[in-house]
Amino acid sequence: MSRVATESKTESKEQVVQIRRCACVVKGGRRFSFAALVVVGDGNGKVGWGYGKATEVPLAVDKAVKQGNKSLEAVPIINSTIPHRVIGRYRASEVLLMPAKPGTGIIAGACVRAVVESVGISNILTKSFGSTNPLNLVKATFDALRQLRTREDIQRLRGVEL
């Protein structure tokens, strides 16, 4: 019920990237809990991610969606792709994002694809290097998206015409 209320208010789409089951061994046996990694985006240049933990899967997903809606960031998109080539890094993971011509589609793995689709990019080439840990890949993708600049941004920052 709370998920519907947040979707109608912010009109964001959520994609569950990963659900982990954790076990805590206690005197009576194992006590399980769940952790959810969720990417939230409006499909129009805003995206965020959240990580929620709870005793049941729907509660963990709700917590992650709430955190993702709080961490929305703006990403520059030009003609349904990114402005330039960029490499994002987080710990042992690296993600290479390259702009693509219209009609190419999204060439990406599952974790990077979730982030790119949530932003609203429909033509992009990606390659991930190093660790394939989903949480690290999502963070590396966000690092890459934060580095993106448009031609107008660079002109304004440098004070010159390009």
N, C-alpha and C. Protein backbone atom coordinates (compact mmCIF):
# COMPACT_ATOMS: atom_id res chain seq x y z
N MET A 1 0.82 -1.19 0.00
CA MET A 1 0.00 0.00 0.00
C MET A 1 0.86 1.26 0.00
N SER A 2 1.94 1.27 0.78
CA SER A 2 2.79 2.44 0.81
C SER A 2 3.54 2.61 -0.51
N ARG A 3 3.83 1.51 -1.21
CA ARG A 3 4.53 1.59 -2.47
C ARG A 3 3.68 2.32 -3.51
N VAL A 4 2.38 2.06 -3.54
CA VAL A 4 1.48 2.72 -4.49
C VAL A 4 1.43 4.21 -4.20
N ALA A 5 1.43 4.58 -2.92
CA ALA A 5 1.38 6.00 -2.56
C ALA A 5 2.64 6.72 -3.01
N THR A 6 3.82 6.09 -2.87
CA THR A 6 5.04 6.76 -3.29
C THR A 6 5.13 6.84 -4.81
N GLU A 7 4.61 5.82 -5.51
CA GLU A 7 4.66 5.85 -6.97
C GLU A 7 3.75 6.94 -7.52
N SER A 8 2.58 7.11 -6.95
CA SER A 8 1.67 8.12 -7.48
C SER A 8 2.17 9.52 -7.18
N LYS A 9 2.89 9.68 -6.06
CA LYS A 9 3.37 11.00 -5.69
C LYS A 9 4.57 11.42 -6.56
N THR A 10 5.54 10.51 -6.77
CA THR A 10 6.74 10.86 -7.51
C THR A 10 6.72 10.31 -8.93
N GLU A 11 5.78 9.41 -9.25
CA GLU A 11 5.66 8.78 -10.56
C GLU A 11 6.98 8.16 -10.99
N SER A 12 7.58 7.38 -10.08
CA SER A 12 8.85 6.75 -10.38
C SER A 12 8.68 5.25 -10.55
N LYS A 13 9.57 4.68 -11.37
CA LYS A 13 9.56 3.24 -11.58
C LYS A 13 10.67 2.65 -10.74
N GLU A 14 10.43 1.46 -10.22
CA GLU A 14 11.44 0.79 -9.40
C GLU A 14 11.82 -0.52 -10.05
N GLN A 15 13.08 -0.88 -9.94
CA GLN A 15 13.57 -2.16 -10.44
C GLN A 15 14.38 -2.82 -9.34
N VAL A 16 13.99 -4.02 -8.97
CA VAL A 16 14.74 -4.76 -7.95
C VAL A 16 15.94 -5.39 -8.65
N VAL A 17 17.14 -5.03 -8.20
CA VAL A 17 18.36 -5.55 -8.80
C VAL A 17 18.76 -6.86 -8.13
N GLN A 18 18.65 -6.90 -6.81
CA GLN A 18 19.07 -8.10 -6.09
C GLN A 18 18.33 -8.22 -4.77
N ILE A 19 18.04 -9.47 -4.39
CA ILE A 19 17.51 -9.76 -3.07
C ILE A 19 18.42 -10.81 -2.45
N ARG A 20 18.96 -10.50 -1.28
CA ARG A 20 19.84 -11.42 -0.57
C ARG A 20 19.14 -11.97 0.66
N ARG A 21 19.39 -13.25 0.94
CA ARG A 21 18.88 -13.84 2.17
C ARG A 21 20.04 -14.01 3.14
N CYS A 22 19.89 -13.43 4.31
CA CYS A 22 20.93 -13.51 5.34
C CYS A 22 20.42 -14.40 6.46
N ALA A 23 21.32 -15.15 7.06
CA ALA A 23 20.93 -16.05 8.15
C ALA A 23 21.72 -15.72 9.40
N CYS A 24 21.03 -15.62 10.52
CA CYS A 24 21.65 -15.40 11.82
C CYS A 24 21.37 -16.66 12.65
N VAL A 25 22.40 -17.33 13.09
CA VAL A 25 22.22 -18.56 13.84
C VAL A 25 22.02 -18.22 15.31
N VAL A 26 20.88 -18.64 15.85
CA VAL A 26 20.54 -18.40 17.25
C VAL A 26 20.30 -19.75 17.93
N LYS A 27 19.98 -19.70 19.19
CA LYS A 27 19.82 -20.91 19.98
C LYS A 27 18.79 -21.87 19.39
N GLY A 28 17.70 -21.36 18.89
CA GLY A 28 16.63 -22.21 18.36
C GLY A 28 16.80 -22.62 16.91
N GLY A 29 17.82 -22.14 16.23
CA GLY A 29 18.01 -22.45 14.81
C GLY A 29 18.48 -21.22 14.05
N ARG A 30 18.07 -21.12 12.80
CA ARG A 30 18.47 -19.97 11.98
C ARG A 30 17.34 -18.96 11.91
N ARG A 31 17.71 -17.70 12.00
CA ARG A 31 16.75 -16.62 11.82
C ARG A 31 17.11 -15.90 10.52
N PHE A 32 16.20 -15.88 9.55
CA PHE A 32 16.49 -15.31 8.24
C PHE A 32 16.03 -13.87 8.15
N SER A 33 16.80 -13.07 7.42
CA SER A 33 16.39 -11.72 7.08
C SER A 33 16.74 -11.51 5.60
N PHE A 34 16.20 -10.44 5.02
CA PHE A 34 16.37 -10.21 3.59
C PHE A 34 16.88 -8.79 3.35
N ALA A 35 17.74 -8.66 2.34
CA ALA A 35 18.27 -7.36 1.94
C ALA A 35 17.93 -7.15 0.46
N ALA A 36 17.42 -5.98 0.13
CA ALA A 36 17.00 -5.69 -1.25
C ALA A 36 17.77 -4.49 -1.78
N LEU A 37 18.29 -4.63 -3.00
CA LEU A 37 18.94 -3.54 -3.73
C LEU A 37 17.99 -3.11 -4.84
N VAL A 38 17.56 -1.85 -4.81
CA VAL A 38 16.54 -1.36 -5.74
C VAL A 38 17.03 -0.09 -6.42
N VAL A 39 16.76 0.03 -7.71
CA VAL A 39 17.06 1.25 -8.46
C VAL A 39 15.73 1.93 -8.80
N VAL A 40 15.63 3.22 -8.52
CA VAL A 40 14.40 3.98 -8.73
C VAL A 40 14.70 5.11 -9.71
N GLY A 41 13.83 5.30 -10.70
CA GLY A 41 14.02 6.39 -11.66
C GLY A 41 12.71 6.82 -12.27
N ASP A 42 12.71 8.03 -12.82
CA ASP A 42 11.48 8.53 -13.45
C ASP A 42 11.50 8.34 -14.96
N GLY A 43 12.58 7.80 -15.52
CA GLY A 43 12.66 7.59 -16.96
C GLY A 43 12.87 8.87 -17.74
N ASN A 44 13.18 9.95 -17.03
CA ASN A 44 13.35 11.24 -17.69
C ASN A 44 14.55 12.00 -17.14
N GLY A 45 15.61 11.27 -16.78
CA GLY A 45 16.83 11.93 -16.35
C GLY A 45 17.07 11.96 -14.86
N LYS A 46 16.24 11.33 -14.06
CA LYS A 46 16.46 11.28 -12.61
C LYS A 46 16.51 9.83 -12.18
N VAL A 47 17.49 9.50 -11.32
CA VAL A 47 17.67 8.13 -10.87
C VAL A 47 18.29 8.12 -9.48
N GLY A 48 17.95 7.10 -8.71
CA GLY A 48 18.51 6.91 -7.38
C GLY A 48 18.52 5.43 -7.04
N TRP A 49 19.24 5.06 -5.99
CA TRP A 49 19.28 3.66 -5.58
C TRP A 49 19.09 3.58 -4.07
N GLY A 50 18.59 2.43 -3.64
CA GLY A 50 18.37 2.22 -2.21
C GLY A 50 18.66 0.79 -1.81
N TYR A 51 19.02 0.60 -0.56
CA TYR A 51 19.35 -0.71 -0.02
C TYR A 51 18.59 -0.85 1.28
N GLY A 52 17.64 -1.81 1.34
CA GLY A 52 16.83 -1.98 2.53
C GLY A 52 16.92 -3.38 3.08
N LYS A 53 16.89 -3.49 4.40
CA LYS A 53 16.96 -4.80 5.06
C LYS A 53 15.76 -4.96 5.99
N ALA A 54 15.16 -6.16 5.98
CA ALA A 54 14.01 -6.43 6.85
C ALA A 54 13.84 -7.94 6.98
N THR A 55 12.86 -8.33 7.78
CA THR A 55 12.63 -9.76 8.00
C THR A 55 11.83 -10.40 6.88
N GLU A 56 11.18 -9.59 6.05
CA GLU A 56 10.42 -10.10 4.91
C GLU A 56 10.80 -9.32 3.66
N VAL A 57 10.66 -9.97 2.50
CA VAL A 57 11.09 -9.37 1.24
C VAL A 57 10.32 -8.08 0.91
N PRO A 58 8.98 -8.05 0.98
CA PRO A 58 8.28 -6.81 0.62
C PRO A 58 8.66 -5.61 1.49
N LEU A 59 8.91 -5.87 2.77
CA LEU A 59 9.32 -4.78 3.66
C LEU A 59 10.70 -4.26 3.28
N ALA A 60 11.61 -5.16 2.92
CA ALA A 60 12.95 -4.76 2.50
C ALA A 60 12.88 -3.94 1.21
N VAL A 61 12.04 -4.36 0.27
CA VAL A 61 11.90 -3.63 -0.99
C VAL A 61 11.31 -2.24 -0.74
N ASP A 62 10.31 -2.16 0.13
CA ASP A 62 9.71 -0.85 0.45
C ASP A 62 10.73 0.10 1.06
N LYS A 63 11.56 -0.42 1.98
CA LYS A 63 12.60 0.41 2.58
C LYS A 63 13.59 0.90 1.54
N ALA A 64 13.97 0.01 0.62
CA ALA A 64 14.92 0.38 -0.42
C ALA A 64 14.33 1.42 -1.37
N VAL A 65 13.06 1.27 -1.72
CA VAL A 65 12.40 2.24 -2.61
C VAL A 65 12.32 3.61 -1.93
N LYS A 66 12.02 3.63 -0.66
CA LYS A 66 11.94 4.89 0.08
C LYS A 66 13.31 5.58 0.08
N GLN A 67 14.37 4.80 0.33
CA GLN A 67 15.72 5.36 0.33
C GLN A 67 16.11 5.82 -1.08
N GLY A 68 15.71 5.06 -2.10
CA GLY A 68 16.01 5.43 -3.48
C GLY A 68 15.34 6.72 -3.89
N ASN A 69 14.11 6.94 -3.45
CA ASN A 69 13.41 8.18 -3.78
C ASN A 69 14.07 9.38 -3.12
N LYS A 70 14.71 9.18 -1.97
CA LYS A 70 15.41 10.28 -1.30
C LYS A 70 16.72 10.63 -1.99
N SER A 71 17.31 9.66 -2.70
CA SER A 71 18.64 9.87 -3.28
C SER A 71 18.60 10.11 -4.79
N LEU A 72 17.52 10.67 -5.32
CA LEU A 72 17.43 10.91 -6.77
C LEU A 72 18.44 11.95 -7.23
N GLU A 73 19.10 11.66 -8.36
CA GLU A 73 20.09 12.56 -8.94
C GLU A 73 19.73 12.82 -10.40
N ALA A 74 20.08 14.00 -10.89
CA ALA A 74 19.81 14.36 -12.29
C ALA A 74 20.97 13.91 -13.17
N VAL A 75 20.64 13.39 -14.36
CA VAL A 75 21.64 12.90 -15.31
C VAL A 75 21.36 13.55 -16.66
N PRO A 76 22.39 14.14 -17.30
CA PRO A 76 22.16 14.73 -18.62
C PRO A 76 21.99 13.67 -19.70
N ILE A 77 20.93 13.79 -20.48
CA ILE A 77 20.65 12.87 -21.59
C ILE A 77 20.51 13.70 -22.86
N ILE A 78 21.20 13.27 -23.92
CA ILE A 78 21.12 13.96 -25.21
C ILE A 78 20.72 12.94 -26.27
N ASN A 79 19.58 13.14 -26.92
CA ASN A 79 19.07 12.23 -27.96
C ASN A 79 19.03 10.78 -27.49
N SER A 80 18.50 10.54 -26.33
CA SER A 80 18.31 9.22 -25.73
C SER A 80 19.62 8.47 -25.46
N THR A 81 20.74 9.20 -25.38
CA THR A 81 22.01 8.59 -25.00
C THR A 81 22.78 9.57 -24.12
N ILE A 82 24.00 9.21 -23.74
CA ILE A 82 24.79 10.07 -22.87
C ILE A 82 25.67 11.00 -23.72
N PRO A 83 26.13 12.12 -23.16
CA PRO A 83 26.89 13.09 -23.96
C PRO A 83 28.28 12.60 -24.39
N HIS A 84 28.96 11.80 -23.58
CA HIS A 84 30.32 11.38 -23.91
C HIS A 84 30.67 10.09 -23.18
N ARG A 85 31.82 9.51 -23.55
CA ARG A 85 32.32 8.27 -22.96
C ARG A 85 32.81 8.56 -21.54
N VAL A 86 32.56 7.63 -20.62
CA VAL A 86 32.94 7.85 -19.23
C VAL A 86 33.20 6.51 -18.55
N ILE A 87 34.11 6.51 -17.56
CA ILE A 87 34.40 5.31 -16.77
C ILE A 87 34.09 5.62 -15.31
N GLY A 88 33.27 4.76 -14.70
CA GLY A 88 32.95 4.89 -13.28
C GLY A 88 33.62 3.79 -12.49
N ARG A 89 34.08 4.13 -11.30
CA ARG A 89 34.78 3.16 -10.47
C ARG A 89 34.20 3.16 -9.07
N TYR A 90 34.09 1.97 -8.50
CA TYR A 90 33.78 1.83 -7.08
C TYR A 90 34.43 0.54 -6.60
N ARG A 91 35.37 0.67 -5.67
CA ARG A 91 36.14 -0.46 -5.16
C ARG A 91 36.73 -1.27 -6.30
N ALA A 92 36.41 -2.55 -6.43
CA ALA A 92 37.03 -3.40 -7.45
C ALA A 92 36.22 -3.43 -8.75
N SER A 93 35.16 -2.64 -8.84
CA SER A 93 34.31 -2.64 -10.04
C SER A 93 34.58 -1.40 -10.88
N GLU A 94 34.61 -1.59 -12.19
CA GLU A 94 34.69 -0.49 -13.14
C GLU A 94 33.60 -0.67 -14.17
N VAL A 95 32.98 0.44 -14.58
CA VAL A 95 31.93 0.40 -15.59
C VAL A 95 32.26 1.44 -16.64
N LEU A 96 32.32 1.01 -17.89
CA LEU A 96 32.55 1.89 -19.03
C LEU A 96 31.21 2.15 -19.71
N LEU A 97 30.85 3.42 -19.87
CA LEU A 97 29.62 3.81 -20.56
C LEU A 97 29.99 4.59 -21.82
N MET A 98 29.45 4.19 -22.97
CA MET A 98 29.73 4.86 -24.24
C MET A 98 28.42 5.24 -24.93
N PRO A 99 28.35 6.43 -25.52
CA PRO A 99 27.14 6.80 -26.26
C PRO A 99 26.98 5.93 -27.50
N ALA A 100 25.74 5.74 -27.92
CA ALA A 100 25.47 4.90 -29.09
C ALA A 100 24.48 5.61 -30.01
N LYS A 101 24.49 5.20 -31.27
CA LYS A 101 23.60 5.78 -32.26
C LYS A 101 22.17 5.29 -32.02
N PRO A 102 21.17 6.03 -32.50
CA PRO A 102 19.78 5.59 -32.36
C PRO A 102 19.56 4.23 -33.01
N GLY A 103 18.82 3.37 -32.33
CA GLY A 103 18.54 2.04 -32.82
C GLY A 103 19.45 0.97 -32.24
N THR A 104 20.48 1.38 -31.51
CA THR A 104 21.42 0.42 -30.93
C THR A 104 20.78 -0.35 -29.78
N GLY A 105 20.04 0.35 -28.95
CA GLY A 105 19.44 -0.27 -27.77
C GLY A 105 20.38 -0.19 -26.58
N ILE A 106 20.06 -0.95 -25.54
CA ILE A 106 20.86 -0.97 -24.33
C ILE A 106 21.69 -2.25 -24.32
N ILE A 107 22.99 -2.10 -24.48
CA ILE A 107 23.90 -3.24 -24.42
C ILE A 107 24.56 -3.17 -23.05
N ALA A 108 24.04 -3.95 -22.10
CA ALA A 108 24.54 -3.88 -20.72
C ALA A 108 24.16 -5.14 -19.96
N GLY A 109 24.87 -5.37 -18.87
CA GLY A 109 24.53 -6.45 -17.96
C GLY A 109 23.32 -6.08 -17.12
N ALA A 110 22.87 -6.98 -16.30
CA ALA A 110 21.62 -6.78 -15.56
C ALA A 110 21.67 -5.59 -14.61
N CYS A 111 22.74 -5.43 -13.85
CA CYS A 111 22.82 -4.36 -12.86
C CYS A 111 22.92 -2.99 -13.51
N VAL A 112 23.80 -2.87 -14.50
CA VAL A 112 23.97 -1.60 -15.20
C VAL A 112 22.73 -1.28 -16.01
N ARG A 113 22.11 -2.30 -16.60
CA ARG A 113 20.89 -2.11 -17.39
C ARG A 113 19.76 -1.52 -16.53
N ALA A 114 19.63 -1.98 -15.30
CA ALA A 114 18.58 -1.47 -14.41
C ALA A 114 18.75 0.03 -14.19
N VAL A 115 19.98 0.46 -13.96
CA VAL A 115 20.24 1.89 -13.73
C VAL A 115 19.97 2.69 -15.00
N VAL A 116 20.48 2.22 -16.13
CA VAL A 116 20.37 2.96 -17.39
C VAL A 116 18.91 3.05 -17.84
N GLU A 117 18.15 1.98 -17.70
CA GLU A 117 16.72 2.02 -18.06
C GLU A 117 15.95 2.97 -17.16
N SER A 118 16.28 2.98 -15.87
CA SER A 118 15.57 3.86 -14.93
C SER A 118 15.82 5.33 -15.23
N VAL A 119 17.01 5.65 -15.73
CA VAL A 119 17.32 7.04 -16.08
C VAL A 119 16.49 7.48 -17.28
N GLY A 120 16.31 6.57 -18.24
CA GLY A 120 15.58 6.92 -19.45
C GLY A 120 16.47 6.89 -20.68
N ILE A 121 17.66 6.32 -20.56
CA ILE A 121 18.57 6.19 -21.70
C ILE A 121 18.15 4.95 -22.48
N SER A 122 18.02 5.09 -23.81
CA SER A 122 17.59 3.94 -24.60
C SER A 122 18.63 3.46 -25.60
N ASN A 123 19.75 4.18 -25.77
CA ASN A 123 20.82 3.76 -26.67
C ASN A 123 22.15 3.97 -25.97
N ILE A 124 22.81 2.87 -25.59
CA ILE A 124 24.08 2.99 -24.87
C ILE A 124 24.83 1.67 -24.98
N LEU A 125 26.16 1.77 -24.96
CA LEU A 125 27.03 0.61 -24.91
C LEU A 125 27.75 0.62 -23.56
N THR A 126 27.81 -0.51 -22.87
CA THR A 126 28.47 -0.56 -21.58
C THR A 126 29.35 -1.80 -21.50
N LYS A 127 30.34 -1.72 -20.62
CA LYS A 127 31.18 -2.88 -20.32
C LYS A 127 31.61 -2.76 -18.88
N SER A 128 31.49 -3.86 -18.14
CA SER A 128 31.92 -3.85 -16.74
C SER A 128 33.19 -4.68 -16.60
N PHE A 129 34.10 -4.18 -15.77
CA PHE A 129 35.38 -4.82 -15.53
C PHE A 129 35.52 -5.08 -14.03
N GLY A 130 36.32 -6.08 -13.69
CA GLY A 130 36.61 -6.34 -12.28
C GLY A 130 35.49 -7.09 -11.60
N SER A 131 35.17 -6.67 -10.39
CA SER A 131 34.18 -7.35 -9.57
C SER A 131 32.78 -7.25 -10.18
N THR A 132 32.02 -8.32 -10.07
CA THR A 132 30.64 -8.32 -10.58
C THR A 132 29.62 -8.25 -9.45
N ASN A 133 30.05 -7.81 -8.29
CA ASN A 133 29.15 -7.63 -7.15
C ASN A 133 28.08 -6.59 -7.55
N PRO A 134 26.79 -6.94 -7.49
CA PRO A 134 25.74 -6.01 -7.95
C PRO A 134 25.76 -4.65 -7.25
N LEU A 135 26.00 -4.63 -5.96
CA LEU A 135 26.02 -3.35 -5.24
C LEU A 135 27.18 -2.48 -5.73
N ASN A 136 28.35 -3.07 -5.91
CA ASN A 136 29.49 -2.31 -6.40
C ASN A 136 29.28 -1.85 -7.85
N LEU A 137 28.64 -2.68 -8.68
CA LEU A 137 28.37 -2.28 -10.07
C LEU A 137 27.38 -1.10 -10.12
N VAL A 138 26.36 -1.13 -9.28
CA VAL A 138 25.39 -0.02 -9.25
C VAL A 138 26.09 1.26 -8.81
N LYS A 139 26.94 1.17 -7.79
CA LYS A 139 27.65 2.36 -7.31
C LYS A 139 28.64 2.87 -8.35
N ALA A 140 29.31 1.97 -9.07
CA ALA A 140 30.23 2.39 -10.12
C ALA A 140 29.48 3.06 -11.26
N THR A 141 28.30 2.55 -11.60
CA THR A 141 27.48 3.17 -12.64
C THR A 141 27.05 4.57 -12.22
N PHE A 142 26.68 4.75 -10.97
CA PHE A 142 26.31 6.07 -10.48
C PHE A 142 27.51 7.02 -10.49
N ASP A 143 28.70 6.50 -10.19
CA ASP A 143 29.91 7.31 -10.27
C ASP A 143 30.12 7.80 -11.69
N ALA A 144 29.91 6.92 -12.67
CA ALA A 144 30.06 7.30 -14.08
C ALA A 144 29.02 8.35 -14.47
N LEU A 145 27.77 8.16 -14.05
CA LEU A 145 26.72 9.11 -14.41
C LEU A 145 26.96 10.48 -13.79
N ARG A 146 27.58 10.53 -12.60
CA ARG A 146 27.88 11.81 -11.95
C ARG A 146 28.95 12.59 -12.72
N GLN A 147 29.80 11.89 -13.48
CA GLN A 147 30.89 12.55 -14.22
C GLN A 147 30.43 13.15 -15.54
N LEU A 148 29.21 12.86 -15.96
CA LEU A 148 28.72 13.35 -17.26
C LEU A 148 28.50 14.85 -17.24
N ARG A 149 28.95 15.52 -18.30
CA ARG A 149 28.77 16.96 -18.47
C ARG A 149 28.29 17.22 -19.90
N THR A 150 27.41 18.18 -20.05
CA THR A 150 26.98 18.57 -21.39
C THR A 150 27.92 19.64 -21.95
N ARG A 151 27.81 19.90 -23.23
CA ARG A 151 28.64 20.92 -23.88
C ARG A 151 28.40 22.30 -23.24
N GLU A 152 27.15 22.59 -22.89
CA GLU A 152 26.82 23.88 -22.28
C GLU A 152 27.45 24.02 -20.90
N ASP A 153 27.47 22.91 -20.12
CA ASP A 153 28.10 22.94 -18.80
C ASP A 153 29.58 23.28 -18.91
N ILE A 154 30.27 22.65 -19.85
CA ILE A 154 31.70 22.87 -20.01
C ILE A 154 31.98 24.29 -20.50
N GLN A 155 31.15 24.80 -21.41
CA GLN A 155 31.31 26.17 -21.87
C GLN A 155 31.15 27.15 -20.72
N ARG A 156 30.16 26.90 -19.88
CA ARG A 156 29.91 27.79 -18.76
C ARG A 156 31.05 27.72 -17.73
N LEU A 157 31.55 26.51 -17.46
CA LEU A 157 32.61 26.36 -16.47
C LEU A 157 33.95 26.95 -16.93
N ARG A 158 34.26 26.77 -18.22
CA ARG A 158 35.53 27.27 -18.74
C ARG A 158 35.46 28.73 -19.17
N GLY A 159 34.27 29.19 -19.50
CA GLY A 159 34.11 30.56 -19.96
C GLY A 159 34.55 30.76 -21.40
N VAL A 160 34.48 29.69 -22.21
CA VAL A 160 34.87 29.79 -23.61
C VAL A 160 33.80 29.15 -24.47
N GLU A 161 33.85 29.44 -25.77
CA GLU A 161 32.95 28.83 -26.73
C GLU A 161 33.61 27.57 -27.29
N LEU A 162 32.86 26.48 -27.39
CA LEU A 162 33.39 25.24 -27.96
C LEU A 162 32.81 25.00 -29.33
